[in-house]
Amino acid sequence: MVKFYNSLNETKQNVFWLLALTVLVFLALCPLFVISQGAYPLGWLLGSLIGVVGYLSISYGTGVILKSDAKVGATVFTAFSFFLRFFLYAAGLVIGAICTFKPQYFGGFNAFNIWTVFAGYLPLCLIMPLRHFISLKKQERSETIKQNEEGSEEK
């Protein structure tokens, strides 16, 4: 499993952690199905999946536009992914709000909770800075080890 994880690029590693956190929190919320509060785990699942799609649109959109041979189509794709991402965020919140506060608009369908949909958007804000901080610490440590090895070879 470690070899598989290390073979992934940074984007795929971030998606791995986002999906792992999604599954863990979903499993932690699953007991709420027993007490008829299924809107919480399903809202978390909806928000998390929209968050993963949002991250992928950021990652691939910027990757396309930053290529040296980027064409007009790349700019259009990036603009489209930008607006699609915010449309998905808004749609998730609107669906969650209707299911939470006015389920009769969907014929009594109340499978999602607005607060857990919103909470599903947040792991991206936690995982990205944390992974960046960890990678900086690893880089500092490897540079320190390299300097120590070079210093010991000179003696």
Protein backbone atom coordinates (compact mmCIF):
# COMPACT_ATOMS: atom_id res chain seq x y z
CA MET A 1 0.00 0.00 0.00
CA VAL A 2 2.88 2.35 0.80
CA LYS A 3 4.44 1.71 -2.61
CA PHE A 4 1.11 2.48 -4.26
CA TYR A 5 0.75 5.72 -2.29
CA ASN A 6 4.33 6.81 -3.02
CA SER A 7 3.81 6.16 -6.73
CA LEU A 8 0.97 8.71 -6.83
CA ASN A 9 1.61 12.29 -7.83
CA GLU A 10 0.75 15.13 -5.43
CA THR A 11 -2.75 15.67 -6.82
CA LYS A 12 -3.65 12.00 -6.50
CA GLN A 13 -2.21 11.88 -2.98
CA ASN A 14 -4.42 14.82 -2.01
CA VAL A 15 -7.46 13.10 -3.52
CA PHE A 16 -6.50 9.94 -1.62
CA TRP A 17 -6.50 11.84 1.69
CA LEU A 18 -9.73 13.67 0.84
CA LEU A 19 -11.48 10.41 0.03
CA ALA A 20 -10.02 8.67 3.09
CA LEU A 21 -11.32 11.44 5.34
CA THR A 22 -14.67 11.33 3.55
CA VAL A 23 -15.04 7.60 4.19
CA LEU A 24 -13.88 7.82 7.82
CA VAL A 25 -16.30 10.61 8.73
CA PHE A 26 -19.10 8.92 6.78
CA LEU A 27 -18.54 5.70 8.73
CA ALA A 28 -18.48 7.69 11.98
CA LEU A 29 -21.82 9.28 11.04
CA CYS A 30 -23.44 6.02 9.90
CA PRO A 31 -24.91 5.23 13.36
CA LEU A 32 -27.17 8.24 12.79
CA PHE A 33 -29.06 6.17 10.21
CA VAL A 34 -30.36 4.07 13.10
CA ILE A 35 -31.97 7.04 14.82
CA SER A 36 -33.54 8.36 11.58
CA GLN A 37 -30.96 11.07 11.03
CA GLY A 38 -29.64 9.83 7.68
CA ALA A 39 -29.45 13.38 6.37
CA TYR A 40 -26.22 13.99 8.29
CA PRO A 41 -24.07 11.22 6.77
CA LEU A 42 -25.57 11.68 3.31
CA GLY A 43 -25.06 15.44 3.50
CA TRP A 44 -21.44 14.86 4.47
CA LEU A 45 -21.02 12.46 1.55
CA LEU A 46 -22.55 14.92 -0.92
CA GLY A 47 -20.46 17.84 0.32
CA SER A 48 -17.25 15.80 0.36
CA LEU A 49 -17.74 14.50 -3.16
CA ILE A 50 -18.45 18.01 -4.41
CA GLY A 51 -15.30 19.13 -2.58
CA VAL A 52 -13.22 16.44 -4.32
CA VAL A 53 -14.64 17.43 -7.71
CA GLY A 54 -13.87 21.07 -6.86
CA TYR A 55 -10.28 20.18 -5.99
CA LEU A 56 -9.87 18.22 -9.22
CA SER A 57 -11.24 21.14 -11.24
CA ILE A 58 -8.72 23.45 -9.54
CA SER A 59 -5.86 21.06 -10.09
CA TYR A 60 -6.53 20.13 -13.70
CA GLY A 61 -7.73 23.61 -14.67
CA THR A 62 -4.52 25.24 -13.50
CA GLY A 63 -2.44 22.41 -14.96
CA VAL A 64 -4.00 22.98 -18.38
CA ILE A 65 -3.56 26.74 -18.40
CA LEU A 66 0.02 26.65 -17.07
CA LYS A 67 1.30 24.51 -19.93
CA SER A 68 3.70 26.41 -22.16
CA ASP A 69 1.66 25.63 -25.28
CA ALA A 70 -1.69 26.68 -23.75
CA LYS A 71 -4.21 27.69 -26.36
CA VAL A 72 -7.49 29.58 -26.23
CA GLY A 73 -9.30 26.31 -25.53
CA ALA A 74 -7.25 25.92 -22.35
CA THR A 75 -8.40 29.31 -21.12
CA VAL A 76 -12.01 28.45 -21.93
CA PHE A 77 -11.66 25.09 -20.14
CA THR A 78 -10.20 26.79 -17.06
CA ALA A 79 -12.96 29.41 -17.00
CA PHE A 80 -15.57 26.69 -17.46
CA SER A 81 -14.11 24.61 -14.61
CA PHE A 82 -14.00 27.72 -12.41
CA PHE A 83 -17.69 28.47 -12.93
CA LEU A 84 -18.67 24.80 -12.77
CA ARG A 85 -16.94 24.47 -9.40
CA PHE A 86 -18.85 27.36 -7.87
CA PHE A 87 -22.08 26.16 -9.47
CA LEU A 88 -21.57 22.76 -7.83
CA TYR A 89 -20.82 24.35 -4.45
CA ALA A 90 -23.94 26.50 -4.70
CA ALA A 91 -26.11 23.62 -5.97
CA GLY A 92 -25.00 21.41 -3.08
CA LEU A 93 -25.87 24.09 -0.55
CA VAL A 94 -29.21 24.88 -2.19
CA ILE A 95 -30.18 21.20 -2.28
CA GLY A 96 -29.06 20.81 1.33
CA ALA A 97 -31.01 23.91 2.38
CA ILE A 98 -34.19 22.77 0.68
CA CYS A 99 -33.87 19.27 2.17
CA THR A 100 -33.21 20.75 5.62
CA PHE A 101 -35.71 23.60 5.79
CA LYS A 102 -38.34 22.99 3.08
CA PRO A 103 -38.43 19.25 2.25
CA GLN A 104 -41.98 19.62 0.95
CA TYR A 105 -40.48 21.35 -2.15
CA PHE A 106 -38.94 17.97 -3.02
CA GLY A 107 -42.02 15.99 -2.03
CA GLY A 108 -40.76 15.31 1.49
CA PHE A 109 -37.27 14.28 0.34
CA ASN A 110 -34.92 15.25 3.16
CA ALA A 111 -31.84 13.12 2.56
CA PHE A 112 -29.26 15.91 2.91
CA ASN A 113 -28.49 18.37 5.68
CA ILE A 114 -27.14 21.80 4.75
CA TRP A 115 -24.66 21.91 7.65
CA THR A 116 -23.04 18.61 6.82
CA VAL A 117 -22.96 19.48 3.11
CA PHE A 118 -21.07 22.63 4.06
CA ALA A 119 -18.83 20.66 6.44
CA GLY A 120 -18.00 18.35 3.53
CA TYR A 121 -16.45 21.29 1.70
CA LEU A 122 -14.01 22.01 4.53
CA PRO A 123 -11.53 19.09 4.45
CA LEU A 124 -9.85 20.65 1.43
CA CYS A 125 -9.07 23.71 3.55
CA LEU A 126 -7.50 21.46 6.19
CA ILE A 127 -5.69 18.84 4.13
CA MET A 128 -3.95 21.13 1.65
CA PRO A 129 -2.13 23.34 4.21
CA LEU A 130 -1.36 20.34 6.41
CA ARG A 131 0.16 18.35 3.54
CA HIS A 132 2.13 21.40 2.41
CA PHE A 133 3.49 21.92 5.94
CA ILE A 134 4.48 18.25 6.18
CA SER A 135 6.23 18.34 2.80
CA LEU A 136 8.17 21.45 3.85
CA LYS A 137 9.27 19.72 7.05
CA LYS A 138 10.36 16.63 5.09
CA GLN A 139 12.30 18.81 2.68
CA GLU A 140 14.00 20.67 5.55
CA ARG A 141 14.91 17.38 7.22
CA SER A 142 16.34 15.89 4.02
CA GLU A 143 18.40 19.04 3.41
CA THR A 144 19.72 18.91 6.98
CA ILE A 145 20.67 15.25 6.60
CA LYS A 146 22.35 16.01 3.28
CA GLN A 147 24.34 18.89 4.82
CA ASN A 148 25.38 16.69 7.75
CA GLU A 149 26.54 13.95 5.38
CA GLU A 150 28.53 16.45 3.31
CA GLY A 151 30.06 17.89 6.50
CA SER A 152 31.12 14.46 7.76
CA GLU A 153 32.68 13.58 4.40
CA GLU A 154 34.85 16.72 4.49
CA LYS A 155 36.43 15.70 7.81
